Amino acid sequence: MDELAALRLQIVWGADEILLPAPQDRRAAKLAAVDVAAVKPKSVPQPVPMLPAGPADARKIAEKCLTLEDLSAALRDFTGCELRDTATHLVFADGAADARVMLIGDAPGAEEDRAGQPFAGPAGQLLDKMLASIGLDRNKVRLTNIVPWRPPGDRPPTEAEIAVCLPFLQRHIALLKPDCLILLGTVAAKAMLPTQYGHTGIGRLRGKWHSIEIPGGIGSVPCLASYHPMYLLRMPAAKRDSWHDLLALRAWLDSET
């Protein structure tokens, strides 16, 4: 009897299952499946990504700095500002550590970034001449910027970049304890002056003495806004107003001696 005839005979007899050559334990197959599932590795929880440091974190770090050297080191290690990743050097400060006058610019440019020094290059040379005209030089004053790293392409720093760097600048001022601040440029003036001046241009802010509160226990500090030397190189006509601002600074220093 061939195989096909054998199958037909089983159908006639009412067979409804296929018989295998050897007996099978169907429960064993299910248990094996369970065993495989039991040894399946558990999923490993992924680490929660760390959020970048914000102004509050920057303030905590800055407040722990007891010296200007501490502050410079803290900025070198600070990773909360993306400008750090694109700049060549940290541009912290230049000049005297006990200066009566602190000049604050907007942000380092290409020359400052290469030198690691604020107010370098042509703008710095012009500033040196301006200071010399009223009996000062960069060794007698303190020079720094609102942000200590160069923004890509020399663009203005963003509000977020300013906000996260400002606590370090405020601590810088608190440690230095200058008699007055000179705010050079629109970014510096708007970052440091009270919010009611937020939409006022440097042309209207300059030439007037203001008072700003500095955290850290030193109280209010007089400040004078003026044009940035880089602006004066592009707009020589503004040098006349800048000269009047320098005379106002000289007169103020003489009156406070």
C-alpha atoms as a PDB file:
ATOM      1  CA  MET A   1       0.000   0.000   0.000  1.00  0.00           C
ATOM      2  CA  ASP A   2       1.448   3.326  -1.018  1.00  0.00           C
ATOM      3  CA  GLU A   3       1.501   6.380   1.293  1.00  0.00           C
ATOM      4  CA  LEU A   4      -1.461   8.101  -0.386  1.00  0.00           C
ATOM      5  CA  ALA A   5      -3.625   4.995  -0.041  1.00  0.00           C
ATOM      6  CA  ALA A   6      -2.607   4.728   3.642  1.00  0.00           C
ATOM      7  CA  LEU A   7      -3.757   8.321   4.296  1.00  0.00           C
ATOM      8  CA  ARG A   8      -7.092   7.675   2.593  1.00  0.00           C
ATOM      9  CA  LEU A   9      -7.601   4.595   4.735  1.00  0.00           C
ATOM     10  CA  GLN A  10      -6.955   6.608   7.936  1.00  0.00           C
ATOM     11  CA  ILE A  11      -9.573   9.177   6.859  1.00  0.00           C
ATOM     12  CA  VAL A  12     -12.089   6.377   6.314  1.00  0.00           C
ATOM     13  CA  TRP A  13     -11.323   5.049   9.808  1.00  0.00           C
ATOM     14  CA  GLY A  14     -11.961   8.550  11.270  1.00  0.00           C
ATOM     15  CA  ALA A  15      -8.372   9.504  12.162  1.00  0.00           C
ATOM     16  CA  ASP A  16      -8.149  13.242  12.952  1.00  0.00           C
ATOM     17  CA  GLU A  17      -4.531  13.527  14.253  1.00  0.00           C
ATOM     18  CA  ILE A  18      -1.125  13.051  12.709  1.00  0.00           C
ATOM     19  CA  LEU A  19       0.880  10.471  14.637  1.00  0.00           C
ATOM     20  CA  LEU A  20       4.600  11.080  14.983  1.00  0.00           C
ATOM     21  CA  PRO A  21       7.161   8.278  15.041  1.00  0.00           C
ATOM     22  CA  ALA A  22       8.048   9.003  18.701  1.00  0.00           C
ATOM     23  CA  PRO A  23       5.910  10.279  21.592  1.00  0.00           C
ATOM     24  CA  GLN A  24       6.123  14.064  22.284  1.00  0.00           C
ATOM     25  CA  ASP A  25       5.795  15.877  25.634  1.00  0.00           C
ATOM     26  CA  ARG A  26       3.926  19.048  24.700  1.00  0.00           C
ATOM     27  CA  ARG A  27       4.274  20.510  28.217  1.00  0.00           C
ATOM     28  CA  ALA A  28       8.063  20.359  27.938  1.00  0.00           C
ATOM     29  CA  ALA A  29       7.977  22.747  24.977  1.00  0.00           C
ATOM     30  CA  LYS A  30       5.960  25.294  26.962  1.00  0.00           C
ATOM     31  CA  LEU A  31       8.294  25.010  29.940  1.00  0.00           C
ATOM     32  CA  ALA A  32      11.272  25.548  27.691  1.00  0.00           C
ATOM     33  CA  ALA A  33       9.667  28.720  26.355  1.00  0.00           C
ATOM     34  CA  VAL A  34       9.129  29.926  29.906  1.00  0.00           C
ATOM     35  CA  ASP A  35      12.764  29.188  30.755  1.00  0.00           C
ATOM     36  CA  VAL A  36      13.966  31.228  27.798  1.00  0.00           C
ATOM     37  CA  ALA A  37      11.810  34.151  28.876  1.00  0.00           C
ATOM     38  CA  ALA A  38      13.109  33.826  32.423  1.00  0.00           C
ATOM     39  CA  VAL A  39      16.711  34.294  31.353  1.00  0.00           C
ATOM     40  CA  LYS A  40      15.948  37.237  29.059  1.00  0.00           C
ATOM     41  CA  PRO A  41      18.221  40.119  30.163  1.00  0.00           C
ATOM     42  CA  LYS A  42      16.510  43.010  31.854  1.00  0.00           C
ATOM     43  CA  SER A  43      16.603  46.383  30.136  1.00  0.00           C
ATOM     44  CA  VAL A  44      19.233  48.709  31.622  1.00  0.00           C
ATOM     45  CA  PRO A  45      17.826  52.135  32.585  1.00  0.00           C
ATOM     46  CA  GLN A  46      19.357  54.943  30.567  1.00  0.00           C
ATOM     47  CA  PRO A  47      21.120  57.726  32.504  1.00  0.00           C
ATOM     48  CA  VAL A  48      19.170  60.973  32.792  1.00  0.00           C
ATOM     49  CA  PRO A  49      20.928  63.626  30.696  1.00  0.00           C
ATOM     50  CA  MET A  50      22.383  66.495  32.762  1.00  0.00           C
ATOM     51  CA  LEU A  51      20.912  69.918  32.108  1.00  0.00           C
ATOM     52  CA  PRO A  52      23.384  72.708  31.314  1.00  0.00           C
ATOM     53  CA  ALA A  53      24.258  75.043  34.153  1.00  0.00           C
ATOM     54  CA  GLY A  54      22.091  78.154  34.361  1.00  0.00           C
ATOM     55  CA  PRO A  55      22.447  81.571  36.017  1.00  0.00           C
ATOM     56  CA  ALA A  56      21.536  80.154  39.442  1.00  0.00           C
ATOM     57  CA  ASP A  57      24.312  77.557  39.183  1.00  0.00           C
ATOM     58  CA  ALA A  58      26.743  80.220  37.977  1.00  0.00           C
ATOM     59  CA  ARG A  59      25.844  82.411  40.959  1.00  0.00           C
ATOM     60  CA  LYS A  60      26.525  79.596  43.428  1.00  0.00           C
ATOM     61  CA  ILE A  61      29.906  78.916  41.845  1.00  0.00           C
ATOM     62  CA  ALA A  62      30.857  82.604  41.728  1.00  0.00           C
ATOM     63  CA  GLU A  63      29.861  83.244  45.341  1.00  0.00           C
ATOM     64  CA  LYS A  64      32.310  80.581  46.517  1.00  0.00           C
ATOM     65  CA  CYS A  65      35.238  82.446  44.922  1.00  0.00           C
ATOM     66  CA  LEU A  66      37.176  84.404  47.547  1.00  0.00           C
ATOM     67  CA  THR A  67      39.903  85.818  45.297  1.00  0.00           C
ATOM     68  CA  LEU A  68      40.269  86.960  41.706  1.00  0.00           C
ATOM     69  CA  GLU A  69      42.451  83.906  41.096  1.00  0.00           C
ATOM     70  CA  ASP A  70      39.625  81.677  42.357  1.00  0.00           C
ATOM     71  CA  LEU A  71      37.223  83.430  40.006  1.00  0.00           C
ATOM     72  CA  SER A  72      39.476  83.004  36.987  1.00  0.00           C
ATOM     73  CA  ALA A  73      39.919  79.299  37.761  1.00  0.00           C
ATOM     74  CA  ALA A  74      36.166  78.840  38.222  1.00  0.00           C
ATOM     75  CA  LEU A  75      35.500  80.382  34.821  1.00  0.00           C
ATOM     76  CA  ARG A  76      38.057  78.092  33.190  1.00  0.00           C
ATOM     77  CA  ASP A  77      36.199  75.082  34.565  1.00  0.00           C
ATOM     78  CA  PHE A  78      32.691  76.437  33.932  1.00  0.00           C
ATOM     79  CA  THR A  79      30.803  74.559  31.214  1.00  0.00           C
ATOM     80  CA  GLY A  80      27.476  76.382  31.388  1.00  0.00           C
ATOM     81  CA  CYS A  81      28.164  78.769  28.483  1.00  0.00           C
ATOM     82  CA  GLU A  82      28.505  77.342  24.971  1.00  0.00           C
ATOM     83  CA  LEU A  83      30.802  80.207  23.954  1.00  0.00           C
ATOM     84  CA  ARG A  84      33.508  78.373  25.866  1.00  0.00           C
ATOM     85  CA  ASP A  85      33.412  75.578  23.276  1.00  0.00           C
ATOM     86  CA  THR A  86      34.006  77.836  20.267  1.00  0.00           C
ATOM     87  CA  ALA A  87      36.453  80.378  21.712  1.00  0.00           C
ATOM     88  CA  THR A  88      40.224  79.943  21.618  1.00  0.00           C
ATOM     89  CA  HIS A  89      40.945  81.474  25.024  1.00  0.00           C
ATOM     90  CA  LEU A  90      39.189  82.608  28.152  1.00  0.00           C
ATOM     91  CA  VAL A  91      39.512  86.408  28.234  1.00  0.00           C
ATOM     92  CA  PHE A  92      39.277  87.122  31.942  1.00  0.00           C
ATOM     93  CA  ALA A  93      40.791  90.522  32.740  1.00  0.00           C
ATOM     94  CA  ASP A  94      43.790  92.812  32.508  1.00  0.00           C
ATOM     95  CA  GLY A  95      45.156  95.604  34.651  1.00  0.00           C
ATOM     96  CA  ALA A  96      45.459  96.320  38.353  1.00  0.00           C
ATOM     97  CA  ALA A  97      43.836  94.094  40.970  1.00  0.00           C
ATOM     98  CA  ASP A  98      43.217  97.165  43.169  1.00  0.00           C
ATOM     99  CA  ALA A  99      42.080  99.592  40.480  1.00  0.00           C
ATOM    100  CA  ARG A 100      39.781 102.499  41.247  1.00  0.00           C
ATOM    101  CA  VAL A 101      38.280 102.320  37.757  1.00  0.00           C
ATOM    102  CA  MET A 102      36.907  99.191  36.099  1.00  0.00           C
ATOM    103  CA  LEU A 103      36.156  99.347  32.367  1.00  0.00           C
ATOM    104  CA  ILE A 104      33.700  96.764  31.048  1.00  0.00           C
ATOM    105  CA  GLY A 105      33.328  96.029  27.340  1.00  0.00           C
ATOM    106  CA  ASP A 106      30.776  93.974  25.432  1.00  0.00           C
ATOM    107  CA  ALA A 107      32.579  90.749  24.462  1.00  0.00           C
ATOM    108  CA  PRO A 108      36.030  89.712  23.242  1.00  0.00           C
ATOM    109  CA  GLY A 109      36.687  90.065  19.535  1.00  0.00           C
ATOM    110  CA  ALA A 110      39.067  88.105  17.330  1.00  0.00           C
ATOM    111  CA  GLU A 111      42.161  89.970  18.555  1.00  0.00           C
ATOM    112  CA  GLU A 112      41.214  89.490  22.215  1.00  0.00           C
ATOM    113  CA  ASP A 113      40.437  85.817  21.641  1.00  0.00           C
ATOM    114  CA  ARG A 114      43.859  85.199  20.134  1.00  0.00           C
ATOM    115  CA  ALA A 115      45.684  87.158  22.830  1.00  0.00           C
ATOM    116  CA  GLY A 116      43.561  86.030  25.778  1.00  0.00           C
ATOM    117  CA  GLN A 117      43.479  89.683  26.821  1.00  0.00           C
ATOM    118  CA  PRO A 118      40.622  92.231  26.806  1.00  0.00           C
ATOM    119  CA  PHE A 119      40.870  95.294  24.577  1.00  0.00           C
ATOM    120  CA  ALA A 120      43.689  94.006  22.362  1.00  0.00           C
ATOM    121  CA  GLY A 121      44.425  95.023  18.790  1.00  0.00           C
ATOM    122  CA  PRO A 122      43.431  98.373  17.240  1.00  0.00           C
ATOM    123  CA  ALA A 123      40.545  98.923  19.680  1.00  0.00           C
ATOM    124  CA  GLY A 124      42.894  98.341  22.600  1.00  0.00           C
ATOM    125  CA  GLN A 125      45.474 100.719  21.170  1.00  0.00           C
ATOM    126  CA  LEU A 126      42.838 103.418  20.864  1.00  0.00           C
ATOM    127  CA  LEU A 127      41.679 102.781  24.427  1.00  0.00           C
ATOM    128  CA  ASP A 128      45.257 103.116  25.670  1.00  0.00           C
ATOM    129  CA  LYS A 129      45.485 106.549  24.019  1.00  0.00           C
ATOM    130  CA  MET A 130      42.129 107.563  25.484  1.00  0.00           C
ATOM    131  CA  LEU A 131      43.209 106.580  28.991  1.00  0.00           C
ATOM    132  CA  ALA A 132      46.562 108.327  28.594  1.00  0.00           C
ATOM    133  CA  SER A 133      44.771 111.553  27.659  1.00  0.00           C
ATOM    134  CA  ILE A 134      43.371 111.769  31.209  1.00  0.00           C
ATOM    135  CA  GLY A 135      46.418 110.460  33.035  1.00  0.00           C
ATOM    136  CA  LEU A 136      45.511 106.763  33.207  1.00  0.00           C
ATOM    137  CA  ASP A 137      46.809 103.564  31.620  1.00  0.00           C
ATOM    138  CA  ARG A 138      45.756  99.931  31.561  1.00  0.00           C
ATOM    139  CA  ASN A 139      48.110  99.113  34.427  1.00  0.00           C
ATOM    140  CA  LYS A 140      46.157 101.484  36.681  1.00  0.00           C
ATOM    141  CA  VAL A 141      42.647 100.401  35.695  1.00  0.00           C
ATOM    142  CA  ARG A 142      40.849  97.049  35.420  1.00  0.00           C
ATOM    143  CA  LEU A 143      39.689  95.817  32.018  1.00  0.00           C
ATOM    144  CA  THR A 144      37.146  93.064  31.410  1.00  0.00           C
ATOM    145  CA  ASN A 145      34.004  92.203  29.407  1.00  0.00           C
ATOM    146  CA  ILE A 146      30.385  91.222  29.989  1.00  0.00           C
ATOM    147  CA  VAL A 147      31.154  87.727  28.661  1.00  0.00           C
ATOM    148  CA  PRO A 148      34.683  86.262  28.847  1.00  0.00           C
ATOM    149  CA  TRP A 149      34.554  84.265  25.611  1.00  0.00           C
ATOM    150  CA  ARG A 150      34.360  85.454  22.017  1.00  0.00           C
ATOM    151  CA  PRO A 151      30.990  84.827  20.314  1.00  0.00           C
ATOM    152  CA  PRO A 152      31.351  83.152  16.896  1.00  0.00           C
ATOM    153  CA  GLY A 153      31.791  85.659  14.100  1.00  0.00           C
ATOM    154  CA  ASP A 154      31.978  88.516  16.626  1.00  0.00           C
ATOM    155  CA  ARG A 155      28.191  88.560  16.913  1.00  0.00           C
ATOM    156  CA  PRO A 156      26.677  90.207  20.017  1.00  0.00           C
ATOM    157  CA  PRO A 157      26.240  87.800  22.945  1.00  0.00           C
ATOM    158  CA  THR A 158      22.693  86.539  23.446  1.00  0.00           C
ATOM    159  CA  GLU A 159      20.584  87.320  26.499  1.00  0.00           C
ATOM    160  CA  ALA A 160      21.069  83.744  27.729  1.00  0.00           C
ATOM    161  CA  GLU A 161      24.854  83.995  27.362  1.00  0.00           C
ATOM    162  CA  ILE A 162      24.892  87.305  29.214  1.00  0.00           C
ATOM    163  CA  ALA A 163      22.647  85.970  31.987  1.00  0.00           C
ATOM    164  CA  VAL A 164      24.857  82.956  32.704  1.00  0.00           C
ATOM    165  CA  CYS A 165      28.085  85.021  32.672  1.00  0.00           C
ATOM    166  CA  LEU A 166      26.804  88.020  34.638  1.00  0.00           C
ATOM    167  CA  PRO A 167      27.164  86.402  38.115  1.00  0.00           C
ATOM    168  CA  PHE A 168      30.894  85.989  37.477  1.00  0.00           C
ATOM    169  CA  LEU A 169      31.245  89.635  36.444  1.00  0.00           C
ATOM    170  CA  GLN A 170      29.286  90.780  39.491  1.00  0.00           C
ATOM    171  CA  ARG A 171      31.568  88.709  41.705  1.00  0.00           C
ATOM    172  CA  HIS A 172      34.559  90.214  39.907  1.00  0.00           C
ATOM    173  CA  ILE A 173      33.305  93.681  40.817  1.00  0.00           C
ATOM    174  CA  ALA A 174      32.568  92.655  44.416  1.00  0.00           C
ATOM    175  CA  LEU A 175      36.106  91.292  44.868  1.00  0.00           C
ATOM    176  CA  LEU A 176      37.789  94.259  43.174  1.00  0.00           C
ATOM    177  CA  LYS A 177      35.661  96.934  44.912  1.00  0.00           C
ATOM    178  CA  PRO A 178      36.314  99.680  42.329  1.00  0.00           C
ATOM    179  CA  ASP A 179      35.281 103.273  42.946  1.00  0.00           C
ATOM    180  CA  CYS A 180      33.418 103.413  39.626  1.00  0.00           C
ATOM    181  CA  LEU A 181      32.554 101.439  36.505  1.00  0.00           C
ATOM    182  CA  ILE A 182      32.854 102.567  32.889  1.00  0.00           C
ATOM    183  CA  LEU A 183      30.472 100.674  30.606  1.00  0.00           C
ATOM    184  CA  LEU A 184      31.819 100.648  27.066  1.00  0.00           C
ATOM    185  CA  GLY A 185      29.258  99.758  24.429  1.00  0.00           C
ATOM    186  CA  THR A 186      25.564  98.994  24.128  1.00  0.00           C
ATOM    187  CA  VAL A 187      25.768  95.409  25.394  1.00  0.00           C
ATOM    188  CA  ALA A 188      27.708  96.384  28.513  1.00  0.00           C
ATOM    189  CA  ALA A 189      25.413  99.298  29.306  1.00  0.00           C
ATOM    190  CA  LYS A 190      22.179  97.346  28.875  1.00  0.00           C
ATOM    191  CA  ALA A 191      23.497  94.339  30.799  1.00  0.00           C
ATOM    192  CA  MET A 192      24.581  96.363  33.818  1.00  0.00           C
ATOM    193  CA  LEU A 193      22.103  99.229  34.039  1.00  0.00           C
ATOM    194  CA  PRO A 194      18.602  98.836  35.548  1.00  0.00           C
ATOM    195  CA  THR A 195      15.925  97.292  33.348  1.00  0.00           C
ATOM    196  CA  GLN A 196      14.194 100.614  32.625  1.00  0.00           C
ATOM    197  CA  TYR A 197      17.117 101.414  30.320  1.00  0.00           C
ATOM    198  CA  GLY A 198      16.736  98.174  28.371  1.00  0.00           C
ATOM    199  CA  HIS A 199      15.451  99.818  25.180  1.00  0.00           C
ATOM    200  CA  THR A 200      17.644 102.919  25.381  1.00  0.00           C
ATOM    201  CA  GLY A 201      20.557 103.199  22.959  1.00  0.00           C
ATOM    202  CA  ILE A 202      24.112 103.962  24.005  1.00  0.00           C
ATOM    203  CA  GLY A 203      23.829 107.413  22.430  1.00  0.00           C
ATOM    204  CA  ARG A 204      21.290 108.389  25.090  1.00  0.00           C
ATOM    205  CA  LEU A 205      22.839 106.421  27.950  1.00  0.00           C
ATOM    206  CA  ARG A 206      26.342 107.825  27.586  1.00  0.00           C
ATOM    207  CA  GLY A 207      27.596 110.903  29.374  1.00  0.00           C
ATOM    208  CA  LYS A 208      25.422 110.416  32.463  1.00  0.00           C
ATOM    209  CA  TRP A 209      26.356 108.959  35.823  1.00  0.00           C
ATOM    210  CA  HIS A 210      24.199 106.101  37.050  1.00  0.00           C
ATOM    211  CA  SER A 211      24.245 103.958  40.178  1.00  0.00           C
ATOM    212  CA  ILE A 212      23.894 100.174  40.130  1.00  0.00           C
ATOM    213  CA  GLU A 213      23.580  97.630  42.923  1.00  0.00           C
ATOM    214  CA  ILE A 214      26.193  94.889  42.965  1.00  0.00           C
ATOM    215  CA  PRO A 215      25.533  91.654  44.914  1.00  0.00           C
ATOM    216  CA  GLY A 216      28.200  90.683  47.398  1.00  0.00           C
ATOM    217  CA  GLY A 217      27.902  93.308  50.073  1.00  0.00           C
ATOM    218  CA  ILE A 218      29.526  96.305  48.364  1.00  0.00           C
ATOM    219  CA  GLY A 219      26.255  98.153  47.755  1.00  0.00           C
ATOM    220  CA  SER A 220      25.835 100.598  44.882  1.00  0.00           C
ATOM    221  CA  VAL A 221      28.617 101.602  42.501  1.00  0.00           C
ATOM    222  CA  PRO A 222      28.649 104.743  40.301  1.00  0.00           C
ATOM    223  CA  CYS A 223      28.941 103.995  36.604  1.00  0.00           C
ATOM    224  CA  LEU A 224      29.313 105.966  33.398  1.00  0.00           C
ATOM    225  CA  ALA A 225      28.374 104.630  29.963  1.00  0.00           C
ATOM    226  CA  SER A 226      30.285 105.553  26.822  1.00  0.00           C
ATOM    227  CA  TYR A 227      31.104 104.305  23.332  1.00  0.00           C
ATOM    228  CA  HIS A 228      33.203 101.195  22.803  1.00  0.00           C
ATOM    229  CA  PRO A 229      36.596 101.887  21.162  1.00  0.00           C
ATOM    230  CA  MET A 230      35.682  99.544  18.302  1.00  0.00           C
ATOM    231  CA  TYR A 231      32.656 101.713  17.572  1.00  0.00           C
ATOM    232  CA  LEU A 232      34.873 104.802  17.575  1.00  0.00           C
ATOM    233  CA  LEU A 233      37.111 103.201  14.952  1.00  0.00           C
ATOM    234  CA  ARG A 234      34.071 102.751  12.706  1.00  0.00           C
ATOM    235  CA  MET A 235      32.472 106.095  13.603  1.00  0.00           C
ATOM    236  CA  PRO A 236      35.226 108.673  14.197  1.00  0.00           C
ATOM    237  CA  ALA A 237      32.618 111.435  14.549  1.00  0.00           C
ATOM    238  CA  ALA A 238      31.624 109.932  17.923  1.00  0.00           C
ATOM    239  CA  LYS A 239      35.094 110.599  19.373  1.00  0.00           C
ATOM    240  CA  ARG A 240      34.015 114.100  20.364  1.00  0.00           C
ATOM    241  CA  ASP A 241      31.298 112.736  22.671  1.00  0.00           C
ATOM    242  CA  SER A 242      33.685 110.090  23.964  1.00  0.00           C
ATOM    243  CA  TRP A 243      36.194 112.809  24.860  1.00  0.00           C
ATOM    244  CA  HIS A 244      33.548 114.565  26.951  1.00  0.00           C
ATOM    245  CA  ASP A 245      32.891 111.268  28.749  1.00  0.00           C
ATOM    246  CA  LEU A 246      36.599 110.927  29.524  1.00  0.00           C
ATOM    247  CA  LEU A 247      36.659 114.450  30.939  1.00  0.00           C
ATOM    248  CA  ALA A 248      33.651 113.580  33.102  1.00  0.00           C
ATOM    249  CA  LEU A 249      35.531 110.545  34.432  1.00  0.00           C
ATOM    250  CA  ARG A 250      38.639 112.609  35.173  1.00  0.00           C
ATOM    251  CA  ALA A 251      36.579 115.245  36.983  1.00  0.00           C
ATOM    252  CA  TRP A 252      34.805 112.567  39.034  1.00  0.00           C
ATOM    253  CA  LEU A 253      38.082 110.923  40.047  1.00  0.00           C
ATOM    254  CA  ASP A 254      39.554 114.259  41.082  1.00  0.00           C
ATOM    255  CA  SER A 255      36.483 115.093  43.152  1.00  0.00           C
ATOM    256  CA  GLU A 256      36.634 111.733  44.941  1.00  0.00           C
ATOM    257  CA  THR A 257      40.331 111.899  45.809  1.00  0.00           C
END
